[in-house]
């Protein structure tokens, strides 16, 4: 059963800025395809780094791999931000792809929280043991 992302207007979907860029491919209905790197992702869309921008409004199947598994969703390309950065919004997911994306986002967010906590602990330890 397809899943269509909903925006409730109350709260923005959590975005994850990826430290490592993830290879992504967009396959369009006319048979053309383009590849790039996924830079930012959320349950409602994200940001791709492409070799050149794609026409705004183009709809295609976006495919990328996460630690939780592969994700395939229909995406609409939005107005390019620059020659190489283009946002997109998800318009449909099939099967478990939405669940895999949600699991991957939560995994990335947990890793960031753990890294931030470790950094805070290191700063606290440094301040505690520093010779004044």
Foldseek 3Di string as FASTA:
>chain_A
DKDFDDDPVPDDFDKDFDPDWWKKKWAFPVGDIFIFTFGMDGLWWGKTFGPFDDDFQTKTWMWTAAPLGIAIFIWGWHDAPDGGMTIITTGIGDDCRSVSVVVRVVVSVVVVVVVVVVVVVVVVVCVVPDDD
